[in-house]
């Protein structure tokens, strides 16, 4: 996969999975049961990892090539 394609995919994953986080922040507390669990343990880690990969992916790739 080309690096430009990888960046586009990661960018869209990052943007699309950020929407539930915004909903979690602005949603009333009484309505958050399953959504809170999914947001805390699925969406936030994926968004953080995709952001780190977009930010420091080149360094990580060089580290694994050694």
N, C-alpha and C. Protein backbone atom coordinates (compact mmCIF):
# COMPACT_ATOMS: atom_id res chain seq x y z
N UNK A 1 0.85 -1.17 0.00
CA UNK A 1 0.00 0.00 0.00
C UNK A 1 0.90 1.24 0.00
N UNK A 2 0.54 2.18 -0.83
CA UNK A 2 1.33 3.41 -0.88
C UNK A 2 1.09 4.23 0.37
N UNK A 3 2.08 5.04 0.72
CA UNK A 3 1.97 5.87 1.93
C UNK A 3 0.84 6.88 1.84
N UNK A 4 0.59 7.40 0.65
CA UNK A 4 -0.50 8.37 0.51
C UNK A 4 -1.85 7.71 0.76
N UNK A 5 -2.03 6.49 0.28
CA UNK A 5 -3.28 5.76 0.53
C UNK A 5 -3.43 5.44 2.00
N UNK A 6 -2.35 5.04 2.64
CA UNK A 6 -2.38 4.74 4.07
C UNK A 6 -2.76 5.98 4.88
N UNK A 7 -2.20 7.13 4.51
CA UNK A 7 -2.53 8.38 5.21
C UNK A 7 -4.00 8.74 5.05
N UNK A 8 -4.54 8.57 3.84
CA UNK A 8 -5.95 8.89 3.60
C UNK A 8 -6.85 7.98 4.43
N UNK A 9 -6.54 6.69 4.45
CA UNK A 9 -7.36 5.75 5.23
C UNK A 9 -7.28 6.06 6.71
N UNK A 10 -6.08 6.28 7.23
CA UNK A 10 -5.93 6.60 8.65
C UNK A 10 -6.62 7.91 9.01
N UNK A 11 -6.54 8.89 8.13
CA UNK A 11 -7.19 10.17 8.40
C UNK A 11 -8.70 9.99 8.51
N UNK A 12 -9.30 9.23 7.60
CA UNK A 12 -10.75 9.03 7.65
C UNK A 12 -11.18 8.17 8.82
N UNK A 13 -10.39 7.16 9.18
CA UNK A 13 -10.69 6.37 10.38
C UNK A 13 -10.65 7.27 11.60
N UNK A 14 -9.66 8.12 11.67
CA UNK A 14 -9.49 9.03 12.80
C UNK A 14 -10.68 10.00 12.89
N UNK A 15 -11.09 10.56 11.77
CA UNK A 15 -12.21 11.51 11.76
C UNK A 15 -13.52 10.82 12.09
N UNK A 16 -13.80 9.69 11.45
CA UNK A 16 -15.09 9.02 11.64
C UNK A 16 -15.25 8.45 13.05
N UNK A 17 -14.18 7.94 13.63
CA UNK A 17 -14.29 7.40 14.98
C UNK A 17 -14.24 8.48 16.05
N UNK A 18 -13.98 9.71 15.67
CA UNK A 18 -14.04 10.81 16.63
C UNK A 18 -15.46 11.29 16.87
N UNK A 19 -16.37 11.03 15.95
CA UNK A 19 -17.76 11.46 16.13
C UNK A 19 -18.42 10.85 17.37
N UNK A 20 -18.26 9.54 17.65
CA UNK A 20 -18.86 9.01 18.88
C UNK A 20 -18.27 9.63 20.15
N UNK A 21 -17.02 10.06 20.10
CA UNK A 21 -16.41 10.70 21.26
C UNK A 21 -17.07 12.04 21.53
N UNK A 22 -17.35 12.79 20.48
CA UNK A 22 -18.06 14.06 20.63
C UNK A 22 -19.46 13.81 21.19
N UNK A 23 -20.13 12.78 20.70
CA UNK A 23 -21.45 12.43 21.23
C UNK A 23 -21.39 12.04 22.69
N UNK A 24 -20.34 11.34 23.07
CA UNK A 24 -20.17 10.93 24.47
C UNK A 24 -19.99 12.15 25.37
N UNK A 25 -19.29 13.15 24.89
CA UNK A 25 -19.04 14.34 25.69
C UNK A 25 -20.31 15.16 25.88
N UNK A 26 -21.10 15.32 24.81
CA UNK A 26 -22.26 16.21 24.86
C UNK A 26 -23.58 15.49 25.13
N UNK A 27 -23.57 14.18 25.30
CA UNK A 27 -24.79 13.42 25.55
C UNK A 27 -25.14 13.47 27.03
N UNK A 28 -26.45 13.48 27.35
CA UNK A 28 -26.83 13.43 28.77
C UNK A 28 -26.31 12.15 29.44
N UNK A 29 -25.98 12.25 30.69
CA UNK A 29 -25.37 11.13 31.42
C UNK A 29 -26.31 9.94 31.53
N UNK A 30 -27.60 10.16 31.62
CA UNK A 30 -28.56 9.06 31.79
C UNK A 30 -28.63 8.17 30.55
N UNK A 31 -28.22 8.66 29.41
CA UNK A 31 -28.32 7.88 28.17
C UNK A 31 -27.05 7.10 27.85
N UNK A 32 -26.06 7.15 28.69
CA UNK A 32 -24.79 6.52 28.36
C UNK A 32 -24.59 5.24 29.15
N UNK A 33 -24.79 4.12 28.50
CA UNK A 33 -24.47 2.84 29.13
C UNK A 33 -23.56 2.06 28.19
N UNK A 34 -24.15 1.50 27.15
CA UNK A 34 -23.36 0.77 26.16
C UNK A 34 -22.46 1.72 25.38
N UNK A 35 -22.98 2.89 25.07
CA UNK A 35 -22.20 3.85 24.29
C UNK A 35 -20.96 4.31 25.05
N UNK A 36 -21.10 4.47 26.36
CA UNK A 36 -19.96 4.89 27.17
C UNK A 36 -18.87 3.82 27.16
N UNK A 37 -19.27 2.57 27.29
CA UNK A 37 -18.31 1.47 27.27
C UNK A 37 -17.59 1.41 25.92
N UNK A 38 -18.37 1.49 24.84
CA UNK A 38 -17.78 1.42 23.50
C UNK A 38 -16.85 2.61 23.25
N UNK A 39 -17.25 3.78 23.72
CA UNK A 39 -16.42 4.96 23.50
C UNK A 39 -15.12 4.87 24.28
N UNK A 40 -15.20 4.47 25.54
CA UNK A 40 -13.99 4.42 26.38
C UNK A 40 -13.01 3.34 25.95
N UNK A 41 -13.53 2.17 25.58
CA UNK A 41 -12.63 1.04 25.38
C UNK A 41 -12.44 0.62 23.92
N UNK A 42 -13.15 1.26 22.99
CA UNK A 42 -12.96 0.93 21.58
C UNK A 42 -12.55 2.17 20.79
N UNK A 43 -13.40 3.20 20.81
CA UNK A 43 -13.18 4.36 19.94
C UNK A 43 -11.97 5.19 20.36
N UNK A 44 -11.86 5.50 21.63
CA UNK A 44 -10.74 6.35 22.08
C UNK A 44 -9.38 5.69 21.83
N UNK A 45 -9.19 4.41 22.17
CA UNK A 45 -7.88 3.81 21.86
C UNK A 45 -7.56 3.78 20.36
N UNK A 46 -8.57 3.51 19.52
CA UNK A 46 -8.32 3.49 18.08
C UNK A 46 -7.97 4.87 17.57
N UNK A 47 -8.67 5.89 18.06
CA UNK A 47 -8.39 7.27 17.63
C UNK A 47 -6.99 7.69 18.09
N UNK A 48 -6.63 7.34 19.31
CA UNK A 48 -5.29 7.69 19.82
C UNK A 48 -4.20 6.99 19.02
N UNK A 49 -4.38 5.69 18.77
CA UNK A 49 -3.37 4.96 18.02
C UNK A 49 -3.25 5.44 16.57
N UNK A 50 -4.39 5.74 15.95
CA UNK A 50 -4.31 6.24 14.57
C UNK A 50 -3.67 7.63 14.54
N UNK A 51 -3.94 8.45 15.54
CA UNK A 51 -3.30 9.77 15.60
C UNK A 51 -1.80 9.66 15.81
N UNK A 52 -1.39 8.76 16.70
CA UNK A 52 0.05 8.56 16.91
C UNK A 52 0.72 8.00 15.67
N UNK A 53 0.02 7.10 14.97
CA UNK A 53 0.60 6.53 13.76
C UNK A 53 0.75 7.60 12.68
N UNK A 54 -0.23 8.50 12.56
CA UNK A 54 -0.11 9.58 11.58
C UNK A 54 1.00 10.55 11.96
N UNK A 55 1.18 10.75 13.26
CA UNK A 55 2.16 11.71 13.74
C UNK A 55 3.58 11.15 13.69
N UNK A 56 3.77 9.94 14.24
CA UNK A 56 5.10 9.36 14.38
C UNK A 56 5.27 8.04 13.62
N UNK A 57 4.46 7.83 12.60
CA UNK A 57 4.53 6.57 11.85
C UNK A 57 5.86 6.33 11.18
N UNK A 58 6.46 7.38 10.66
CA UNK A 58 7.75 7.23 9.99
C UNK A 58 8.83 6.76 10.96
N UNK A 59 8.83 7.28 12.16
CA UNK A 59 9.81 6.87 13.16
C UNK A 59 9.60 5.41 13.55
N UNK A 60 8.35 5.00 13.69
CA UNK A 60 8.05 3.62 14.06
C UNK A 60 8.46 2.67 12.93
N UNK A 61 8.20 3.05 11.67
CA UNK A 61 8.60 2.22 10.54
C UNK A 61 10.11 2.05 10.49
N UNK A 62 10.85 3.13 10.73
CA UNK A 62 12.32 3.04 10.73
C UNK A 62 12.80 2.17 11.88
N UNK A 63 12.13 2.24 13.01
CA UNK A 63 12.52 1.45 14.16
C UNK A 63 12.34 -0.05 13.89
N UNK A 64 11.26 -0.42 13.19
CA UNK A 64 11.01 -1.83 12.89
C UNK A 64 11.89 -2.35 11.75
N UNK A 65 12.42 -1.49 10.92
CA UNK A 65 13.28 -1.92 9.82
C UNK A 65 14.66 -2.37 10.29
N UNK A 66 15.07 -1.92 11.44
CA UNK A 66 16.41 -2.25 11.95
C UNK A 66 16.53 -3.69 12.32
